[in-house]
Amino acid sequence: MVTGLVARTDPKNHGAVTVYYSDGLRQYEKAFSPYRMRVGEPVVVYYDPHEPETAAIELPTRLLRDDAALSAVAGVFFGTLATFVARHPRVFRSLNLGRIWWPKTP
């Protein structure tokens, strides 16, 4: 974890900010989005000591938690949808969505 500096902002690119940070040996430049920051603003950068190019400006545990929650919701939704389609193929066919994936039987 080091303190970086916001070098540029790009509101047209989903609010991307470019941050300069250093691992003590080299200086790195990385874009992150979406964030609302101003040029010159200091920001905490979390980076992998073995691969300093891999960095985040949010706590990695928070990012993982958010991704895990989204994955769980998507898994439940698509699992439920797949179960419904498997148990009620007529309903799926009546929607006329499955001509490619679910050919009509004679």
C-alpha atoms as a PDB file:
ATOM      1  CA  MET A   1       0.000   0.000   0.000  1.00  0.00           C
ATOM      2  CA  VAL A   2       1.399   3.382  -1.058  1.00  0.00           C
ATOM      3  CA  THR A   3       0.083   6.868  -1.670  1.00  0.00           C
ATOM      4  CA  GLY A   4      -0.396   7.713  -5.316  1.00  0.00           C
ATOM      5  CA  LEU A   5      -1.390  10.894  -7.092  1.00  0.00           C
ATOM      6  CA  VAL A   6      -4.237  11.475  -9.543  1.00  0.00           C
ATOM      7  CA  ALA A   7      -2.549  12.654 -12.755  1.00  0.00           C
ATOM      8  CA  ARG A   8      -5.497  12.874 -15.154  1.00  0.00           C
ATOM      9  CA  THR A   9      -9.243  12.503 -15.219  1.00  0.00           C
ATOM     10  CA  ASP A  10     -11.359  11.462 -18.168  1.00  0.00           C
ATOM     11  CA  PRO A  11     -15.066  12.088 -17.534  1.00  0.00           C
ATOM     12  CA  LYS A  12     -15.901  10.880 -21.063  1.00  0.00           C
ATOM     13  CA  ASN A  13     -14.375   7.461 -20.271  1.00  0.00           C
ATOM     14  CA  HIS A  14     -16.757   6.437 -17.474  1.00  0.00           C
ATOM     15  CA  GLY A  15     -15.042   8.756 -15.001  1.00  0.00           C
ATOM     16  CA  ALA A  16     -11.629   7.141 -15.373  1.00  0.00           C
ATOM     17  CA  VAL A  17      -8.719   8.531 -13.396  1.00  0.00           C
ATOM     18  CA  THR A  18      -5.038   7.939 -14.120  1.00  0.00           C
ATOM     19  CA  VAL A  19      -2.928   7.516 -11.011  1.00  0.00           C
ATOM     20  CA  TYR A  20       0.850   7.648 -10.622  1.00  0.00           C
ATOM     21  CA  TYR A  21       2.328   5.492  -7.858  1.00  0.00           C
ATOM     22  CA  SER A  22       5.706   4.024  -7.007  1.00  0.00           C
ATOM     23  CA  ASP A  23       6.859   0.795  -5.378  1.00  0.00           C
ATOM     24  CA  GLY A  24      10.134   2.409  -4.354  1.00  0.00           C
ATOM     25  CA  LEU A  25      12.003   1.148  -7.429  1.00  0.00           C
ATOM     26  CA  ARG A  26       9.855   2.196 -10.370  1.00  0.00           C
ATOM     27  CA  GLN A  27       7.024   4.589 -11.031  1.00  0.00           C
ATOM     28  CA  TYR A  28       3.781   3.228 -12.467  1.00  0.00           C
ATOM     29  CA  GLU A  29       0.825   4.806 -14.217  1.00  0.00           C
ATOM     30  CA  LYS A  30      -2.534   3.057 -14.162  1.00  0.00           C
ATOM     31  CA  ALA A  31      -6.094   4.012 -15.102  1.00  0.00           C
ATOM     32  CA  PHE A  32      -8.990   3.166 -12.808  1.00  0.00           C
ATOM     33  CA  SER A  33     -12.694   3.753 -13.329  1.00  0.00           C
ATOM     34  CA  PRO A  34     -15.253   4.896 -12.363  1.00  0.00           C
ATOM     35  CA  TYR A  35     -14.057   7.351  -9.721  1.00  0.00           C
ATOM     36  CA  ARG A  36     -14.785  11.006  -9.008  1.00  0.00           C
ATOM     37  CA  MET A  37     -11.453  12.546  -8.086  1.00  0.00           C
ATOM     38  CA  ARG A  38      -9.557  15.694  -8.960  1.00  0.00           C
ATOM     39  CA  VAL A  39      -6.132  16.026 -10.543  1.00  0.00           C
ATOM     40  CA  GLY A  40      -3.484  16.291  -7.827  1.00  0.00           C
ATOM     41  CA  GLU A  41      -5.579  14.469  -5.244  1.00  0.00           C
ATOM     42  CA  PRO A  42      -3.657  11.867  -3.208  1.00  0.00           C
ATOM     43  CA  VAL A  43      -5.073   8.340  -3.239  1.00  0.00           C
ATOM     44  CA  VAL A  44      -4.121   5.102  -1.488  1.00  0.00           C
ATOM     45  CA  VAL A  45      -2.966   2.472  -3.989  1.00  0.00           C
ATOM     46  CA  TYR A  46      -2.970  -1.220  -3.059  1.00  0.00           C
ATOM     47  CA  TYR A  47      -0.593  -3.238  -5.225  1.00  0.00           C
ATOM     48  CA  ASP A  48       0.844  -6.739  -5.409  1.00  0.00           C
ATOM     49  CA  PRO A  49       4.488  -6.604  -4.249  1.00  0.00           C
ATOM     50  CA  HIS A  50       5.373  -9.382  -6.722  1.00  0.00           C
ATOM     51  CA  GLU A  51       3.572  -7.636  -9.618  1.00  0.00           C
ATOM     52  CA  PRO A  52       3.391  -3.896  -8.885  1.00  0.00           C
ATOM     53  CA  GLU A  53       1.498  -3.331 -12.162  1.00  0.00           C
ATOM     54  CA  THR A  54      -1.448  -5.141 -10.543  1.00  0.00           C
ATOM     55  CA  ALA A  55      -3.039  -2.447  -8.406  1.00  0.00           C
ATOM     56  CA  ALA A  56      -6.345  -1.184  -7.049  1.00  0.00           C
ATOM     57  CA  ILE A  57      -7.441   2.026  -5.364  1.00  0.00           C
ATOM     58  CA  GLU A  58     -10.022   0.240  -3.246  1.00  0.00           C
ATOM     59  CA  LEU A  59      -9.389  -2.374  -0.627  1.00  0.00           C
ATOM     60  CA  PRO A  60      -8.986  -5.653  -2.532  1.00  0.00           C
ATOM     61  CA  THR A  61     -11.081  -7.469   0.084  1.00  0.00           C
ATOM     62  CA  ARG A  62     -13.983  -5.100  -0.639  1.00  0.00           C
ATOM     63  CA  LEU A  63     -13.657  -5.687  -4.385  1.00  0.00           C
ATOM     64  CA  LEU A  64     -13.635  -9.458  -3.848  1.00  0.00           C
ATOM     65  CA  ARG A  65     -16.644  -9.277  -1.528  1.00  0.00           C
ATOM     66  CA  ASP A  66     -18.624  -7.268  -4.084  1.00  0.00           C
ATOM     67  CA  ASP A  67     -17.654  -9.663  -6.893  1.00  0.00           C
ATOM     68  CA  ALA A  68     -18.560 -12.681  -4.764  1.00  0.00           C
ATOM     69  CA  ALA A  69     -21.975 -11.215  -3.962  1.00  0.00           C
ATOM     70  CA  LEU A  70     -22.677 -10.500  -7.638  1.00  0.00           C
ATOM     71  CA  SER A  71     -21.548 -13.997  -8.619  1.00  0.00           C
ATOM     72  CA  ALA A  72     -23.813 -15.556  -5.987  1.00  0.00           C
ATOM     73  CA  VAL A  73     -26.850 -13.584  -7.179  1.00  0.00           C
ATOM     74  CA  ALA A  74     -26.125 -14.443 -10.829  1.00  0.00           C
ATOM     75  CA  GLY A  75     -25.656 -18.111  -9.930  1.00  0.00           C
ATOM     76  CA  VAL A  76     -28.998 -18.272  -8.128  1.00  0.00           C
ATOM     77  CA  PHE A  77     -30.805 -16.411 -10.918  1.00  0.00           C
ATOM     78  CA  PHE A  78     -29.419 -18.443 -13.810  1.00  0.00           C
ATOM     79  CA  GLY A  79     -29.673 -21.701 -11.865  1.00  0.00           C
ATOM     80  CA  THR A  80     -33.345 -21.001 -11.181  1.00  0.00           C
ATOM     81  CA  LEU A  81     -33.925 -20.074 -14.832  1.00  0.00           C
ATOM     82  CA  ALA A  82     -32.224 -23.268 -16.060  1.00  0.00           C
ATOM     83  CA  THR A  83     -34.283 -25.384 -13.657  1.00  0.00           C
ATOM     84  CA  PHE A  84     -37.505 -23.699 -14.782  1.00  0.00           C
ATOM     85  CA  VAL A  85     -36.687 -24.209 -18.461  1.00  0.00           C
ATOM     86  CA  ALA A  86     -35.784 -27.853 -17.869  1.00  0.00           C
ATOM     87  CA  ARG A  87     -39.021 -28.543 -15.973  1.00  0.00           C
ATOM     88  CA  HIS A  88     -41.338 -26.476 -18.191  1.00  0.00           C
ATOM     89  CA  PRO A  89     -40.087 -26.726 -21.785  1.00  0.00           C
ATOM     90  CA  ARG A  90     -43.508 -25.816 -23.253  1.00  0.00           C
ATOM     91  CA  VAL A  91     -43.439 -22.414 -21.591  1.00  0.00           C
ATOM     92  CA  PHE A  92     -39.962 -21.794 -22.963  1.00  0.00           C
ATOM     93  CA  ARG A  93     -41.053 -22.864 -26.457  1.00  0.00           C
ATOM     94  CA  SER A  94     -44.169 -20.662 -26.316  1.00  0.00           C
ATOM     95  CA  LEU A  95     -41.951 -17.613 -25.816  1.00  0.00           C
ATOM     96  CA  ASN A  96     -40.456 -18.401 -29.214  1.00  0.00           C
ATOM     97  CA  LEU A  97     -36.963 -17.661 -27.925  1.00  0.00           C
ATOM     98  CA  GLY A  98     -35.461 -21.081 -28.234  1.00  0.00           C
ATOM     99  CA  ARG A  99     -35.638 -21.883 -31.924  1.00  0.00           C
ATOM    100  CA  ILE A 100     -31.868 -22.016 -32.128  1.00  0.00           C
ATOM    101  CA  TRP A 101     -31.238 -23.824 -28.849  1.00  0.00           C
ATOM    102  CA  TRP A 102     -34.400 -25.879 -28.539  1.00  0.00           C
ATOM    103  CA  PRO A 103     -35.600 -27.185 -31.893  1.00  0.00           C
ATOM    104  CA  LYS A 104     -39.235 -28.223 -32.177  1.00  0.00           C
ATOM    105  CA  THR A 105     -39.894 -31.926 -32.141  1.00  0.00           C
ATOM    106  CA  PRO A 106     -42.319 -33.410 -34.691  1.00  0.00           C
END
